[in-house]
Amino acid sequence: MVHIIMPVKDSIETAEMALRALEGHAVTIWNDNSTAENTARLHALAEELHFDCIDVADLTDHPSPNYLLLLQTMRQRALDTHAPLLIVESDVVVQPDTIDRLIHEGRKAKVGMVAAVTTNEEGAINFPYAYARRYAKGAIETHKRLSFCCTLMTEPMLETVDFNNLDPTKDWFDVTISKLSRQSGFRNILCTDTPVRHYPHSSRPWKQLKYTNPLLYYWRKLTQGRDKI
C-alpha cells in the first residue's frame, strides 16, 4: 500500500492528464483553493476515477499554498497505516511502471526519499533535475535536493522526520525535507531511468518569470514575499 497525494491549484488541464495517468491507484486530490469551476471539475474527476478529493478551504482559511498542512496531514495518515507517502504534483504525468519502481527502490536499506527524474515531451531531462543529465542511468544516490514533482517518502523516514517542526513561514519544503532526510541518516535516491513528463509551474504561471524575466521574478519573490523555500 502507498498513499498517493496530488496537490492541485487550478491548472486543470495538466491536472486531468496527471490524474488520468494514475487511474487504478488510490489517490487523494488536495484541492488548494482552486476556482469554483475548477473545484467542480476536480470533484467530477474524483468521482469518475474513484479518487478522494479534499477541499483545503474546508480545513483552513490560510491562502494557497498550503503545502505544510498537506505534509502534516498526509504524513500522519501514512504513519497510521504503515505505508509510504508518494507526492505526484499536478504538472507531472507518470508512466505505467513509475509507482512500482519507486516503491521497489524505497524498500531498500536506509532509503528516505525516492524521486522519478522529470523530462519534457521529447524525453530530455528538464527542471528541476537538469543536474542529472550527466548521471549514468539508474537509481543514483544524490546529495542535491529532491523536488516533490514525483517523490516517495518511506515509512522509516516519515517516522523519523517530524513535519510538525517545519518552518511555518515557508511555502515549499522539498529542500528542507531532502536535507532532513540525509541528516537523519537516510539515502535519497533519484531514479534517472524512471522518467515522468513534467510541465513546470503549470499551477503557478507567474513562476515562469524565473526563466523569461529572472530580474522580475526575484523582485517579486523578495518584495512580495512569494515562493519562500
Protein backbone atom coordinates (compact mmCIF):
# COMPACT_ATOMS: atom_id res chain seq x y z
CA MET A 1 0.00 0.00 0.00
CA VAL A 2 1.13 3.56 -0.72
CA HIS A 3 -0.62 6.88 -0.05
CA ILE A 4 -0.62 8.97 -3.24
CA ILE A 5 -1.40 12.67 -2.87
CA MET A 6 -1.77 15.22 -5.65
CA PRO A 7 -1.89 18.91 -4.69
CA VAL A 8 -3.88 20.93 -7.24
CA LYS A 9 -4.21 24.69 -7.62
CA ASP A 10 -6.28 25.20 -10.79
CA SER A 11 -4.00 24.04 -13.70
CA ILE A 12 -6.97 21.81 -14.53
CA GLU A 13 -5.73 20.68 -17.96
CA THR A 14 -2.43 19.29 -16.70
CA ALA A 15 -4.12 18.06 -13.52
CA GLU A 16 -6.56 16.00 -15.57
CA MET A 17 -3.72 14.43 -17.58
CA ALA A 18 -1.83 13.74 -14.35
CA LEU A 19 -4.85 12.20 -12.62
CA ARG A 20 -5.85 10.01 -15.56
CA ALA A 21 -2.32 8.60 -15.64
CA LEU A 22 -2.89 7.44 -12.04
CA GLU A 23 -6.20 5.68 -12.72
CA GLY A 24 -6.33 2.36 -10.90
CA HIS A 25 -4.39 3.65 -7.89
CA ALA A 26 -5.72 5.10 -4.65
CA VAL A 27 -5.21 8.85 -4.91
CA THR A 28 -6.15 11.80 -2.71
CA ILE A 29 -6.56 15.12 -4.53
CA TRP A 30 -5.55 18.09 -2.37
CA ASN A 31 -7.59 20.93 -3.88
CA ASP A 32 -5.73 24.02 -2.66
CA ASN A 33 -8.23 26.83 -3.27
CA SER A 34 -8.89 26.28 -6.95
CA THR A 35 -11.65 28.37 -8.54
CA ALA A 36 -15.25 27.23 -8.08
CA GLU A 37 -15.35 26.00 -11.68
CA ASN A 38 -12.13 24.00 -11.36
CA THR A 39 -13.18 22.66 -7.96
CA ALA A 40 -16.33 21.26 -9.57
CA ARG A 41 -14.25 19.70 -12.37
CA LEU A 42 -11.88 18.13 -9.83
CA HIS A 43 -14.77 16.61 -7.89
CA ALA A 44 -16.23 15.23 -11.11
CA LEU A 45 -12.86 13.69 -12.00
CA ALA A 46 -12.52 12.27 -8.50
CA GLU A 47 -15.93 10.60 -8.78
CA GLU A 48 -15.16 9.23 -12.24
CA LEU A 49 -11.74 7.86 -11.27
CA HIS A 50 -12.74 6.77 -7.74
CA PHE A 51 -10.31 9.15 -6.04
CA ASP A 52 -10.75 11.12 -2.84
CA CYS A 53 -10.81 14.92 -3.03
CA ILE A 54 -10.06 17.18 -0.07
CA ASP A 55 -11.01 20.85 -0.36
CA VAL A 56 -8.42 22.72 1.67
CA ALA A 57 -10.87 25.62 2.09
CA ASP A 58 -12.87 23.31 4.38
CA LEU A 59 -9.83 22.87 6.64
CA THR A 60 -8.24 26.32 6.82
CA ASP A 61 -8.64 29.90 5.68
CA HIS A 62 -4.88 30.16 5.10
CA PRO A 63 -4.22 31.25 1.50
CA SER A 64 -2.63 28.91 -1.02
CA PRO A 65 -0.09 27.32 -1.00
CA ASN A 66 -0.92 25.02 1.89
CA TYR A 67 1.87 22.51 1.44
CA LEU A 68 2.71 22.42 5.15
CA LEU A 69 -0.80 21.33 6.09
CA LEU A 70 -0.73 18.76 3.29
CA LEU A 71 2.55 17.29 4.53
CA GLN A 72 1.46 17.17 8.15
CA THR A 73 -1.96 15.68 7.36
CA MET A 74 -0.77 13.03 4.93
CA ARG A 75 2.32 12.07 6.96
CA GLN A 76 0.01 11.14 9.82
CA ARG A 77 -2.28 9.14 7.52
CA ALA A 78 0.71 7.27 6.14
CA LEU A 79 2.06 6.51 9.61
CA ASP A 80 -1.36 5.36 10.83
CA THR A 81 -1.47 2.77 8.05
CA HIS A 82 2.26 1.91 8.00
CA ALA A 83 2.65 3.00 4.39
CA PRO A 84 4.95 5.27 2.39
CA LEU A 85 3.74 8.61 1.05
CA LEU A 86 4.02 9.49 -2.64
CA ILE A 87 3.51 13.05 -3.87
CA VAL A 88 2.70 13.46 -7.56
CA GLU A 89 2.23 17.09 -8.49
CA SER A 90 -0.46 18.26 -10.90
CA ASP A 91 2.05 19.11 -13.64
CA VAL A 92 3.54 15.60 -13.74
CA VAL A 93 2.35 12.64 -15.83
CA VAL A 94 3.58 9.25 -14.61
CA GLN A 95 4.29 6.13 -16.65
CA PRO A 96 2.54 2.78 -16.04
CA ASP A 97 5.51 1.41 -14.09
CA THR A 98 6.53 4.59 -12.23
CA ILE A 99 4.91 3.83 -8.89
CA ASP A 100 6.06 0.20 -8.71
CA ARG A 101 9.64 1.24 -9.46
CA LEU A 102 9.64 3.95 -6.79
CA ILE A 103 8.19 1.55 -4.22
CA HIS A 104 10.84 -1.04 -5.14
CA GLU A 105 13.68 1.42 -4.53
CA GLY A 106 12.03 2.68 -1.36
CA ARG A 107 12.19 -0.80 0.18
CA LYS A 108 15.99 -0.87 0.06
CA ALA A 109 18.08 -0.28 3.17
CA LYS A 110 18.20 3.22 4.67
CA VAL A 111 16.33 4.92 1.83
CA GLY A 112 14.46 8.06 2.88
CA MET A 113 13.22 9.55 -0.39
CA VAL A 114 12.95 8.25 -3.96
CA ALA A 115 12.22 10.53 -6.91
CA ALA A 116 11.48 9.94 -10.59
CA VAL A 117 13.51 12.09 -12.96
CA THR A 118 11.48 14.66 -14.91
CA THR A 119 11.54 15.18 -18.67
CA ASN A 120 9.88 17.28 -21.34
CA GLU A 121 7.68 15.80 -24.07
CA GLU A 122 10.76 14.99 -26.15
CA GLY A 123 12.25 12.94 -23.32
CA ALA A 124 15.00 15.38 -22.35
CA ILE A 125 15.58 15.81 -18.61
CA ASN A 126 14.19 19.18 -17.51
CA PHE A 127 13.62 21.30 -14.39
CA PRO A 128 14.27 20.55 -11.57
CA TYR A 129 16.71 17.76 -12.42
CA ALA A 130 18.89 19.32 -15.10
CA TYR A 131 21.88 18.40 -12.95
CA ALA A 132 21.11 14.71 -13.54
CA ARG A 133 21.85 14.88 -17.27
CA ARG A 134 25.44 13.90 -16.54
CA TYR A 135 24.49 10.92 -14.38
CA ALA A 136 24.56 7.32 -15.56
CA LYS A 137 21.20 5.64 -15.98
CA GLY A 138 19.87 4.01 -12.86
CA ALA A 139 18.94 4.68 -9.25
CA ILE A 140 21.50 7.26 -8.10
CA GLU A 141 22.07 8.41 -4.53
CA THR A 142 22.13 12.20 -4.55
CA HIS A 143 23.02 14.87 -2.01
CA LYS A 144 21.17 17.50 -4.01
CA ARG A 145 17.57 18.31 -3.24
CA LEU A 146 14.75 16.11 -4.47
CA SER A 147 11.74 18.01 -5.72
CA PHE A 148 8.24 16.83 -4.83
CA CYS A 149 7.34 16.52 -8.54
CA CYS A 150 7.07 12.75 -8.18
CA THR A 151 8.68 11.64 -4.94
CA LEU A 152 8.10 8.82 -2.49
CA MET A 153 8.90 9.24 1.22
CA THR A 154 9.47 5.97 3.04
CA GLU A 155 7.80 4.97 6.28
CA PRO A 156 11.09 4.93 8.28
CA MET A 157 11.88 8.47 7.12
CA LEU A 158 8.34 9.65 7.94
CA GLU A 159 8.68 8.15 11.41
CA THR A 160 11.98 9.96 11.99
CA VAL A 161 11.38 13.39 10.42
CA ASP A 162 8.54 15.22 12.17
CA PHE A 163 6.83 17.62 9.75
CA ASN A 164 5.24 19.41 12.70
CA ASN A 165 8.65 21.00 13.27
CA LEU A 166 8.88 22.56 9.79
CA ASP A 167 9.10 26.35 9.44
CA PRO A 168 5.53 27.66 9.00
CA THR A 169 6.75 30.85 7.30
CA LYS A 170 7.86 28.88 4.24
CA ASP A 171 5.78 27.92 1.20
CA TRP A 172 7.75 24.92 -0.09
CA PHE A 173 9.57 22.19 1.79
CA ASP A 174 11.34 19.91 -0.69
CA VAL A 175 14.76 21.45 0.01
CA THR A 176 14.26 21.27 3.79
CA ILE A 177 12.94 17.71 3.85
CA SER A 178 15.65 16.49 1.47
CA LYS A 179 18.25 17.83 3.92
CA LEU A 180 16.47 16.46 6.99
CA SER A 181 16.26 13.03 5.38
CA ARG A 182 20.02 12.95 4.76
CA GLN A 183 20.84 14.43 8.17
CA SER A 184 18.78 11.64 9.75
CA GLY A 185 20.99 9.02 8.11
CA PHE A 186 18.82 8.14 5.11
CA ARG A 187 19.81 7.88 1.46
CA ASN A 188 17.94 9.99 -1.11
CA ILE A 189 17.60 8.31 -4.50
CA LEU A 190 16.96 9.84 -7.93
CA CYS A 191 15.80 7.27 -10.49
CA THR A 192 17.27 8.54 -13.75
CA ASP A 193 15.82 5.54 -15.60
CA THR A 194 12.28 6.22 -14.38
CA PRO A 195 11.15 9.32 -16.31
CA VAL A 196 7.92 11.23 -15.78
CA ARG A 197 6.69 14.03 -18.03
CA HIS A 198 6.84 17.45 -16.38
CA TYR A 199 5.14 20.73 -17.33
CA PRO A 200 6.91 23.07 -14.85
CA HIS A 201 4.91 25.59 -12.81
CA SER A 202 1.61 24.96 -14.60
CA SER A 203 -0.33 25.77 -11.42
CA ARG A 204 1.57 29.00 -10.74
CA PRO A 205 2.38 30.54 -14.14
CA TRP A 206 3.94 33.67 -12.61
CA LYS A 207 6.92 31.44 -11.67
CA GLN A 208 7.74 31.08 -15.39
CA LEU A 209 9.32 34.51 -14.93
CA LYS A 210 12.26 32.64 -13.39
CA TYR A 211 13.22 31.69 -16.96
CA THR A 212 11.77 34.52 -19.07
CA ASN A 213 12.46 37.52 -16.82
CA PRO A 214 14.55 36.44 -13.80
CA LEU A 215 15.02 40.01 -12.53
CA LEU A 216 11.24 40.50 -12.27
CA TYR A 217 10.84 37.04 -10.73
CA TYR A 218 13.36 37.73 -7.94
CA TRP A 219 11.98 41.23 -7.40
CA ARG A 220 8.51 39.77 -6.81
CA LYS A 221 9.95 36.99 -4.68
CA LEU A 222 11.75 39.48 -2.42
CA THR A 223 9.25 42.36 -2.30
CA GLN A 224 6.03 40.35 -2.23
CA GLY A 225 7.24 37.51 -0.01
CA ARG A 226 6.40 34.88 -2.60
CA ASP A 227 7.84 31.44 -3.22
CA LYS A 228 9.57 31.06 0.17
CA ILE A 229 11.73 27.91 0.17
